[in-house]
Amino acid sequence: MDGKIKGDITCSGKLVIGEKAEVLGNIHCQSADIMGTVHGEVRVKQNTSLFSKSMVKGNVYTLSINIEPGAVFNGKCIMSADEK
């Protein structure tokens, strides 16, 4: 996804947030590659990857997370197989 998105995103597969994208809302998906900006809660059932130019302001709930040098992450990360 690219562009500015205001509202929640729910996806049954992999979600890719492009470098120039800005999401103002919560994300629920199977796996996520984040290269842009997210302001909201991120809930991912499998793997979350924050790339070097990404910025996430909000809590991340995920089974596993990869954070590249240069990524900005302001929030809590809860790693668990339990979706609650």
C-alpha atoms as a PDB file:
ATOM      1  CA  MET A   1       0.000   0.000   0.000  1.00  0.00           C
ATOM      2  CA  ASP A   2       1.142   3.495  -0.756  1.00  0.00           C
ATOM      3  CA  GLY A   3      -0.415   6.862  -0.050  1.00  0.00           C
ATOM      4  CA  LYS A   4      -2.197   8.160   3.049  1.00  0.00           C
ATOM      5  CA  ILE A   5      -4.734   5.846   4.658  1.00  0.00           C
ATOM      6  CA  LYS A   6      -6.968   7.065   7.482  1.00  0.00           C
ATOM      7  CA  GLY A   7      -8.778   4.185   9.181  1.00  0.00           C
ATOM      8  CA  ASP A   8      -8.165   0.614  10.223  1.00  0.00           C
ATOM      9  CA  ILE A   9      -6.741  -2.032   7.881  1.00  0.00           C
ATOM     10  CA  THR A  10      -7.652  -5.726   8.148  1.00  0.00           C
ATOM     11  CA  CYS A  11      -5.948  -8.211   5.842  1.00  0.00           C
ATOM     12  CA  SER A  12      -6.035 -12.027   5.813  1.00  0.00           C
ATOM     13  CA  GLY A  13      -2.591 -12.236   4.191  1.00  0.00           C
ATOM     14  CA  LYS A  14       0.644 -10.268   4.029  1.00  0.00           C
ATOM     15  CA  LEU A  15       0.418  -6.479   4.224  1.00  0.00           C
ATOM     16  CA  VAL A  16       3.169  -4.316   2.709  1.00  0.00           C
ATOM     17  CA  ILE A  17       3.274  -0.636   3.695  1.00  0.00           C
ATOM     18  CA  GLY A  18       5.409   1.263   1.153  1.00  0.00           C
ATOM     19  CA  GLU A  19       8.101   3.847   1.966  1.00  0.00           C
ATOM     20  CA  LYS A  20       5.869   6.830   1.153  1.00  0.00           C
ATOM     21  CA  ALA A  21       2.763   5.428   2.861  1.00  0.00           C
ATOM     22  CA  GLU A  22       1.228   6.839   6.031  1.00  0.00           C
ATOM     23  CA  VAL A  23      -1.363   4.841   7.960  1.00  0.00           C
ATOM     24  CA  LEU A  24      -3.427   6.597  10.628  1.00  0.00           C
ATOM     25  CA  GLY A  25      -5.231   3.644  12.186  1.00  0.00           C
ATOM     26  CA  ASN A  26      -4.863   0.124  13.495  1.00  0.00           C
ATOM     27  CA  ILE A  27      -3.563  -2.821  11.470  1.00  0.00           C
ATOM     28  CA  HIS A  28      -4.618  -6.478  11.744  1.00  0.00           C
ATOM     29  CA  CYS A  29      -2.988  -8.970   9.356  1.00  0.00           C
ATOM     30  CA  GLN A  30      -1.202 -12.310   8.934  1.00  0.00           C
ATOM     31  CA  SER A  31       2.274 -10.799   8.333  1.00  0.00           C
ATOM     32  CA  ALA A  32       3.537  -7.268   7.733  1.00  0.00           C
ATOM     33  CA  ASP A  33       6.426  -5.513   5.996  1.00  0.00           C
ATOM     34  CA  ILE A  34       6.442  -1.881   7.089  1.00  0.00           C
ATOM     35  CA  MET A  35       8.600   0.600   5.189  1.00  0.00           C
ATOM     36  CA  GLY A  36       6.501   3.734   5.761  1.00  0.00           C
ATOM     37  CA  THR A  37       4.753   5.371   8.728  1.00  0.00           C
ATOM     38  CA  VAL A  38       2.114   3.840  10.985  1.00  0.00           C
ATOM     39  CA  HIS A  39       0.308   5.701  13.791  1.00  0.00           C
ATOM     40  CA  GLY A  40      -1.734   3.051  15.580  1.00  0.00           C
ATOM     41  CA  GLU A  41      -1.755  -0.449  16.984  1.00  0.00           C
ATOM     42  CA  VAL A  42      -0.265  -3.240  14.872  1.00  0.00           C
ATOM     43  CA  ARG A  43      -1.538  -6.820  15.421  1.00  0.00           C
ATOM     44  CA  VAL A  44       0.202  -9.463  13.314  1.00  0.00           C
ATOM     45  CA  LYS A  45      -0.336 -13.231  13.626  1.00  0.00           C
ATOM     46  CA  GLN A  46       3.108 -14.174  12.298  1.00  0.00           C
ATOM     47  CA  ASN A  47       6.130 -12.000  11.435  1.00  0.00           C
ATOM     48  CA  THR A  48       6.457  -8.213  11.482  1.00  0.00           C
ATOM     49  CA  SER A  49       9.368  -6.516   9.686  1.00  0.00           C
ATOM     50  CA  LEU A  50      10.224  -2.853  10.262  1.00  0.00           C
ATOM     51  CA  PHE A  51      12.547  -1.643   7.521  1.00  0.00           C
ATOM     52  CA  SER A  52      15.168   1.102   7.863  1.00  0.00           C
ATOM     53  CA  LYS A  53      12.935   4.014   6.787  1.00  0.00           C
ATOM     54  CA  SER A  54       9.875   2.938   8.761  1.00  0.00           C
ATOM     55  CA  MET A  55       8.305   4.734  11.713  1.00  0.00           C
ATOM     56  CA  VAL A  56       5.770   3.027  13.980  1.00  0.00           C
ATOM     57  CA  LYS A  57       4.082   4.959  16.781  1.00  0.00           C
ATOM     58  CA  GLY A  58       1.966   2.459  18.680  1.00  0.00           C
ATOM     59  CA  ASN A  59       2.075  -0.966  20.254  1.00  0.00           C
ATOM     60  CA  VAL A  60       2.964  -4.042  18.189  1.00  0.00           C
ATOM     61  CA  TYR A  61       1.557  -7.499  18.958  1.00  0.00           C
ATOM     62  CA  THR A  62       3.298 -10.188  16.914  1.00  0.00           C
ATOM     63  CA  LEU A  63       4.752 -13.686  17.003  1.00  0.00           C
ATOM     64  CA  SER A  64       8.173 -12.417  15.824  1.00  0.00           C
ATOM     65  CA  ILE A  65       9.671  -9.078  14.814  1.00  0.00           C
ATOM     66  CA  ASN A  66      12.627  -7.920  12.703  1.00  0.00           C
ATOM     67  CA  ILE A  67      13.803  -4.326  13.082  1.00  0.00           C
ATOM     68  CA  GLU A  68      16.433  -2.935  10.716  1.00  0.00           C
ATOM     69  CA  PRO A  69      18.877  -0.241  11.864  1.00  0.00           C
ATOM     70  CA  GLY A  70      17.360   3.176  11.193  1.00  0.00           C
ATOM     71  CA  ALA A  71      13.766   2.126  11.891  1.00  0.00           C
ATOM     72  CA  VAL A  72      11.891   4.166  14.505  1.00  0.00           C
ATOM     73  CA  PHE A  73       9.602   2.278  16.889  1.00  0.00           C
ATOM     74  CA  ASN A  74       7.853   4.093  19.738  1.00  0.00           C
ATOM     75  CA  GLY A  75       5.607   1.742  21.678  1.00  0.00           C
ATOM     76  CA  LYS A  76       5.517  -1.647  23.344  1.00  0.00           C
ATOM     77  CA  CYS A  77       6.146  -4.941  21.602  1.00  0.00           C
ATOM     78  CA  ILE A  78       4.287  -7.992  22.872  1.00  0.00           C
ATOM     79  CA  MET A  79       5.528 -11.228  21.296  1.00  0.00           C
ATOM     80  CA  SER A  80       3.135 -14.122  21.735  1.00  0.00           C
ATOM     81  CA  ALA A  81       1.375 -16.844  19.767  1.00  0.00           C
ATOM     82  CA  ASP A  82      -1.804 -15.838  21.614  1.00  0.00           C
ATOM     83  CA  GLU A  83      -3.753 -13.277  19.567  1.00  0.00           C
ATOM     84  CA  LYS A  84      -5.344 -11.712  22.673  1.00  0.00           C
END
